[in-house]
Amino acid sequence: MSLAWCVVQSKPHQERKVLEHLQNQGFEAWLPTIQIEKIKAGRIVSVSQPFFSRYLFVRMNIEQQDWSPIRSTQGVSQLLRQGHQLSVVPDIYMDDLQQRMANSIQKAALEAGDALEITSGPFKSWVAIFQKIVQMKTGEERAMAFLSILGKEQSMFFDLKDLKKAH
């Protein structure tokens, strides 16, 4: 039996649903995800999101297996193809990708040097340069950033909910 990794394209934001449905049907399926940090309601939270938006992988016997159960799976948009043949990802690339995903590090929501726009308060619309997240004595997290006031850099603390990345 010749098993190969094929690429499944899901409908928008349905990657996890497709993964679950394929696995429930007995397919070996994999959705690469990455942990990132986001600011929600003024707090930094770690969330898992698909590494390839709308794409996941299914391992199947492309010579003998019927593709129709995959194509008709709820949330699936299509199987990627080259002409009439399924697009196959060689095992060496899949092994490498799986190894890299296992060793990936979190992507921080904010990194030192990021330009941040202040969204409320007396400095609304000003741009500050992020330095680090600081745990206050109250247990609250705040962003320490430099703000240029009258030509001089001032180190200040801001609520995370009052900041957004500047464009």
C-alpha atoms as a PDB file:
ATOM      1  CA  MET A   1       0.000   0.000   0.000  1.00  0.00           C
ATOM      2  CA  SER A   2       1.437   3.338  -1.087  1.00  0.00           C
ATOM      3  CA  LEU A   3       0.479   6.012   1.446  1.00  0.00           C
ATOM      4  CA  ALA A   4       1.038   9.661   0.563  1.00  0.00           C
ATOM      5  CA  TRP A   5       0.334  13.005   2.174  1.00  0.00           C
ATOM      6  CA  CYS A   6      -2.202  15.105   0.268  1.00  0.00           C
ATOM      7  CA  VAL A   7      -3.300  18.688   0.862  1.00  0.00           C
ATOM      8  CA  VAL A   8      -6.873  19.488   1.833  1.00  0.00           C
ATOM      9  CA  GLN A   9      -8.182  23.034   1.564  1.00  0.00           C
ATOM     10  CA  SER A  10     -10.899  23.884   4.063  1.00  0.00           C
ATOM     11  CA  LYS A  11     -13.539  26.542   3.983  1.00  0.00           C
ATOM     12  CA  PRO A  12     -12.495  29.676   5.924  1.00  0.00           C
ATOM     13  CA  HIS A  13     -11.926  29.095   9.665  1.00  0.00           C
ATOM     14  CA  GLN A  14     -13.033  25.438   9.486  1.00  0.00           C
ATOM     15  CA  GLU A  15      -9.634  23.710   9.650  1.00  0.00           C
ATOM     16  CA  ARG A  16     -10.245  22.185  13.102  1.00  0.00           C
ATOM     17  CA  LYS A  17     -13.708  20.957  12.153  1.00  0.00           C
ATOM     18  CA  VAL A  18     -12.306  19.307   8.999  1.00  0.00           C
ATOM     19  CA  LEU A  19      -9.506  17.690  11.022  1.00  0.00           C
ATOM     20  CA  GLU A  20     -11.991  16.262  13.508  1.00  0.00           C
ATOM     21  CA  HIS A  21     -14.339  14.955  10.783  1.00  0.00           C
ATOM     22  CA  LEU A  22     -11.498  13.334   8.821  1.00  0.00           C
ATOM     23  CA  GLN A  23     -10.123  11.643  11.931  1.00  0.00           C
ATOM     24  CA  ASN A  24     -13.624  10.426  12.857  1.00  0.00           C
ATOM     25  CA  GLN A  25     -13.775   8.796   9.401  1.00  0.00           C
ATOM     26  CA  GLY A  26     -10.526   6.939  10.113  1.00  0.00           C
ATOM     27  CA  PHE A  27      -8.174   9.100   8.050  1.00  0.00           C
ATOM     28  CA  GLU A  28      -4.724  10.044   9.275  1.00  0.00           C
ATOM     29  CA  ALA A  29      -4.962  13.837   9.190  1.00  0.00           C
ATOM     30  CA  TRP A  30      -2.698  16.582  10.508  1.00  0.00           C
ATOM     31  CA  LEU A  31      -3.266  20.285  11.058  1.00  0.00           C
ATOM     32  CA  PRO A  32      -0.030  22.149  11.780  1.00  0.00           C
ATOM     33  CA  THR A  33      -0.647  24.775  14.465  1.00  0.00           C
ATOM     34  CA  ILE A  34       1.460  27.399  16.140  1.00  0.00           C
ATOM     35  CA  GLN A  35       1.107  29.015  19.554  1.00  0.00           C
ATOM     36  CA  ILE A  36       1.024  32.797  19.450  1.00  0.00           C
ATOM     37  CA  GLU A  37       0.347  35.430  22.043  1.00  0.00           C
ATOM     38  CA  LYS A  38      -2.463  37.928  21.520  1.00  0.00           C
ATOM     39  CA  ILE A  39      -3.786  40.774  23.569  1.00  0.00           C
ATOM     40  CA  LYS A  40      -7.426  40.183  24.538  1.00  0.00           C
ATOM     41  CA  ALA A  41      -9.289  42.377  26.994  1.00  0.00           C
ATOM     42  CA  GLY A  42      -6.034  43.897  28.185  1.00  0.00           C
ATOM     43  CA  ARG A  43      -4.383  40.546  28.941  1.00  0.00           C
ATOM     44  CA  ILE A  44      -1.849  38.528  27.001  1.00  0.00           C
ATOM     45  CA  VAL A  45      -3.231  35.094  26.167  1.00  0.00           C
ATOM     46  CA  SER A  46      -1.634  32.220  24.319  1.00  0.00           C
ATOM     47  CA  VAL A  47      -3.731  30.819  21.469  1.00  0.00           C
ATOM     48  CA  SER A  48      -3.208  28.032  18.980  1.00  0.00           C
ATOM     49  CA  GLN A  49      -3.885  28.862  15.356  1.00  0.00           C
ATOM     50  CA  PRO A  50      -3.358  27.034  12.065  1.00  0.00           C
ATOM     51  CA  PHE A  51       0.115  27.533  10.602  1.00  0.00           C
ATOM     52  CA  PHE A  52      -1.283  27.392   7.062  1.00  0.00           C
ATOM     53  CA  SER A  53      -4.626  29.151   7.027  1.00  0.00           C
ATOM     54  CA  ARG A  54      -7.258  26.898   5.388  1.00  0.00           C
ATOM     55  CA  TYR A  55      -4.844  24.006   4.690  1.00  0.00           C
ATOM     56  CA  LEU A  56      -4.280  20.677   6.381  1.00  0.00           C
ATOM     57  CA  PHE A  57      -2.873  17.317   5.370  1.00  0.00           C
ATOM     58  CA  VAL A  58      -4.392  13.857   5.013  1.00  0.00           C
ATOM     59  CA  ARG A  59      -2.454  10.623   4.475  1.00  0.00           C
ATOM     60  CA  MET A  60      -4.079   8.160   2.136  1.00  0.00           C
ATOM     61  CA  ASN A  61      -3.513   5.542  -0.521  1.00  0.00           C
ATOM     62  CA  ILE A  62      -3.876   7.723  -3.604  1.00  0.00           C
ATOM     63  CA  GLU A  63      -3.865   4.771  -6.009  1.00  0.00           C
ATOM     64  CA  GLN A  64      -6.697   2.788  -4.439  1.00  0.00           C
ATOM     65  CA  GLN A  65      -8.569   4.988  -1.993  1.00  0.00           C
ATOM     66  CA  ASP A  66     -11.816   6.723  -2.937  1.00  0.00           C
ATOM     67  CA  TRP A  67     -11.445  10.504  -2.574  1.00  0.00           C
ATOM     68  CA  SER A  68     -15.171  11.235  -2.411  1.00  0.00           C
ATOM     69  CA  PRO A  69     -15.479  10.857   1.409  1.00  0.00           C
ATOM     70  CA  ILE A  70     -12.795  13.525   1.826  1.00  0.00           C
ATOM     71  CA  ARG A  71     -14.282  15.846  -0.801  1.00  0.00           C
ATOM     72  CA  SER A  72     -17.726  15.557   0.789  1.00  0.00           C
ATOM     73  CA  THR A  73     -16.504  16.045   4.371  1.00  0.00           C
ATOM     74  CA  GLN A  74     -18.189  18.994   6.048  1.00  0.00           C
ATOM     75  CA  GLY A  75     -15.935  22.060   5.865  1.00  0.00           C
ATOM     76  CA  VAL A  76     -13.745  20.799   2.996  1.00  0.00           C
ATOM     77  CA  SER A  77     -13.423  23.120   0.037  1.00  0.00           C
ATOM     78  CA  GLN A  78     -11.259  20.864  -2.150  1.00  0.00           C
ATOM     79  CA  LEU A  79      -8.321  18.480  -2.412  1.00  0.00           C
ATOM     80  CA  LEU A  80      -5.417  20.183  -4.122  1.00  0.00           C
ATOM     81  CA  ARG A  81      -4.583  18.710  -7.508  1.00  0.00           C
ATOM     82  CA  GLN A  82      -2.213  19.069 -10.402  1.00  0.00           C
ATOM     83  CA  GLY A  83      -4.429  18.419 -13.366  1.00  0.00           C
ATOM     84  CA  HIS A  84      -6.315  15.195 -12.635  1.00  0.00           C
ATOM     85  CA  GLN A  85      -3.734  13.954 -10.105  1.00  0.00           C
ATOM     86  CA  LEU A  86      -3.783  14.740  -6.401  1.00  0.00           C
ATOM     87  CA  SER A  87      -0.969  17.010  -5.241  1.00  0.00           C
ATOM     88  CA  VAL A  88       1.314  14.886  -3.070  1.00  0.00           C
ATOM     89  CA  VAL A  89       3.738  16.228  -0.478  1.00  0.00           C
ATOM     90  CA  PRO A  90       6.817  13.972  -0.282  1.00  0.00           C
ATOM     91  CA  ASP A  91       7.359  12.260   3.077  1.00  0.00           C
ATOM     92  CA  ILE A  92      10.745  13.935   3.520  1.00  0.00           C
ATOM     93  CA  TYR A  93       9.068  17.383   3.444  1.00  0.00           C
ATOM     94  CA  MET A  94       6.284  16.289   5.776  1.00  0.00           C
ATOM     95  CA  ASP A  95       8.790  14.785   8.239  1.00  0.00           C
ATOM     96  CA  ASP A  96      10.774  18.032   8.171  1.00  0.00           C
ATOM     97  CA  LEU A  97       7.639  20.153   8.626  1.00  0.00           C
ATOM     98  CA  GLN A  98       6.417  18.011  11.523  1.00  0.00           C
ATOM     99  CA  GLN A  99       9.830  18.245  13.193  1.00  0.00           C
ATOM    100  CA  ARG A 100       9.960  22.019  12.745  1.00  0.00           C
ATOM    101  CA  MET A 101       6.447  22.437  14.121  1.00  0.00           C
ATOM    102  CA  ALA A 102       7.325  20.331  17.162  1.00  0.00           C
ATOM    103  CA  ASN A 103      10.338  22.570  17.811  1.00  0.00           C
ATOM    104  CA  SER A 104       8.661  25.893  17.046  1.00  0.00           C
ATOM    105  CA  ILE A 105       8.704  28.646  19.607  1.00  0.00           C
ATOM    106  CA  GLN A 106       5.911  31.014  20.519  1.00  0.00           C
ATOM    107  CA  LYS A 107       5.602  34.201  18.553  1.00  0.00           C
ATOM    108  CA  ALA A 108       5.218  37.065  20.989  1.00  0.00           C
ATOM    109  CA  ALA A 109       2.346  39.489  20.532  1.00  0.00           C
ATOM    110  CA  LEU A 110       4.739  42.313  21.317  1.00  0.00           C
ATOM    111  CA  GLU A 111       8.478  42.466  20.853  1.00  0.00           C
ATOM    112  CA  ALA A 112      10.934  45.049  22.180  1.00  0.00           C
ATOM    113  CA  GLY A 113      11.172  47.928  19.723  1.00  0.00           C
ATOM    114  CA  ASP A 114       7.610  47.571  18.375  1.00  0.00           C
ATOM    115  CA  ALA A 115       5.867  50.877  17.698  1.00  0.00           C
ATOM    116  CA  LEU A 116       2.591  51.072  19.622  1.00  0.00           C
ATOM    117  CA  GLU A 117      -0.230  53.536  19.203  1.00  0.00           C
ATOM    118  CA  ILE A 118      -1.860  54.649  22.437  1.00  0.00           C
ATOM    119  CA  THR A 119      -5.636  54.308  22.007  1.00  0.00           C
ATOM    120  CA  SER A 120      -6.975  56.144  25.072  1.00  0.00           C
ATOM    121  CA  GLY A 121      -6.023  58.486  27.860  1.00  0.00           C
ATOM    122  CA  PRO A 122      -4.067  61.746  27.796  1.00  0.00           C
ATOM    123  CA  PHE A 123      -1.570  60.403  25.228  1.00  0.00           C
ATOM    124  CA  LYS A 124      -4.219  59.080  22.812  1.00  0.00           C
ATOM    125  CA  SER A 125      -2.874  58.795  19.210  1.00  0.00           C
ATOM    126  CA  TRP A 126       0.738  59.142  20.352  1.00  0.00           C
ATOM    127  CA  VAL A 127       3.240  56.446  19.403  1.00  0.00           C
ATOM    128  CA  ALA A 128       5.386  54.735  22.056  1.00  0.00           C
ATOM    129  CA  ILE A 129       8.194  52.184  21.658  1.00  0.00           C
ATOM    130  CA  PHE A 130       7.500  48.925  23.497  1.00  0.00           C
ATOM    131  CA  GLN A 131      10.174  47.598  25.869  1.00  0.00           C
ATOM    132  CA  LYS A 132       8.686  44.763  27.928  1.00  0.00           C
ATOM    133  CA  ILE A 133       5.714  43.443  29.889  1.00  0.00           C
ATOM    134  CA  VAL A 134       5.973  44.179  33.602  1.00  0.00           C
ATOM    135  CA  GLN A 135       4.079  42.406  36.401  1.00  0.00           C
ATOM    136  CA  MET A 136       2.864  45.089  38.805  1.00  0.00           C
ATOM    137  CA  LYS A 137       2.554  44.512  42.584  1.00  0.00           C
ATOM    138  CA  THR A 138      -1.208  44.225  42.107  1.00  0.00           C
ATOM    139  CA  GLY A 139      -0.631  41.257  39.771  1.00  0.00           C
ATOM    140  CA  GLU A 140      -1.734  43.269  36.750  1.00  0.00           C
ATOM    141  CA  GLU A 141       0.406  43.172  33.613  1.00  0.00           C
ATOM    142  CA  ARG A 142       1.397  46.463  32.028  1.00  0.00           C
ATOM    143  CA  ALA A 143       3.481  47.413  29.050  1.00  0.00           C
ATOM    144  CA  MET A 144       6.608  49.440  29.683  1.00  0.00           C
ATOM    145  CA  ALA A 145       7.264  51.714  26.727  1.00  0.00           C
ATOM    146  CA  PHE A 146       9.264  54.799  25.859  1.00  0.00           C
ATOM    147  CA  LEU A 147       7.301  57.894  24.939  1.00  0.00           C
ATOM    148  CA  SER A 148       9.008  60.942  23.459  1.00  0.00           C
ATOM    149  CA  ILE A 149       7.843  64.003  25.382  1.00  0.00           C
ATOM    150  CA  LEU A 150       9.375  67.371  24.451  1.00  0.00           C
ATOM    151  CA  GLY A 151      12.247  65.601  22.712  1.00  0.00           C
ATOM    152  CA  LYS A 152      13.123  63.406  25.692  1.00  0.00           C
ATOM    153  CA  GLU A 153      12.408  59.655  26.020  1.00  0.00           C
ATOM    154  CA  GLN A 154      10.288  58.889  29.076  1.00  0.00           C
ATOM    155  CA  SER A 155       9.731  55.350  30.368  1.00  0.00           C
ATOM    156  CA  MET A 156       6.017  54.883  31.082  1.00  0.00           C
ATOM    157  CA  PHE A 157       3.608  52.067  31.920  1.00  0.00           C
ATOM    158  CA  PHE A 158       0.399  51.473  29.962  1.00  0.00           C
ATOM    159  CA  ASP A 159      -2.586  49.140  30.240  1.00  0.00           C
ATOM    160  CA  LEU A 160      -2.336  46.588  27.431  1.00  0.00           C
ATOM    161  CA  LYS A 161      -5.931  47.338  26.426  1.00  0.00           C
ATOM    162  CA  ASP A 162      -4.891  50.922  25.689  1.00  0.00           C
ATOM    163  CA  LEU A 163      -2.293  49.938  23.086  1.00  0.00           C
ATOM    164  CA  LYS A 164      -2.271  48.591  19.540  1.00  0.00           C
ATOM    165  CA  LYS A 165       0.541  48.008  17.098  1.00  0.00           C
ATOM    166  CA  ALA A 166       1.175  51.109  15.008  1.00  0.00           C
ATOM    167  CA  HIS A 167       1.233  50.757  11.237  1.00  0.00           C
END
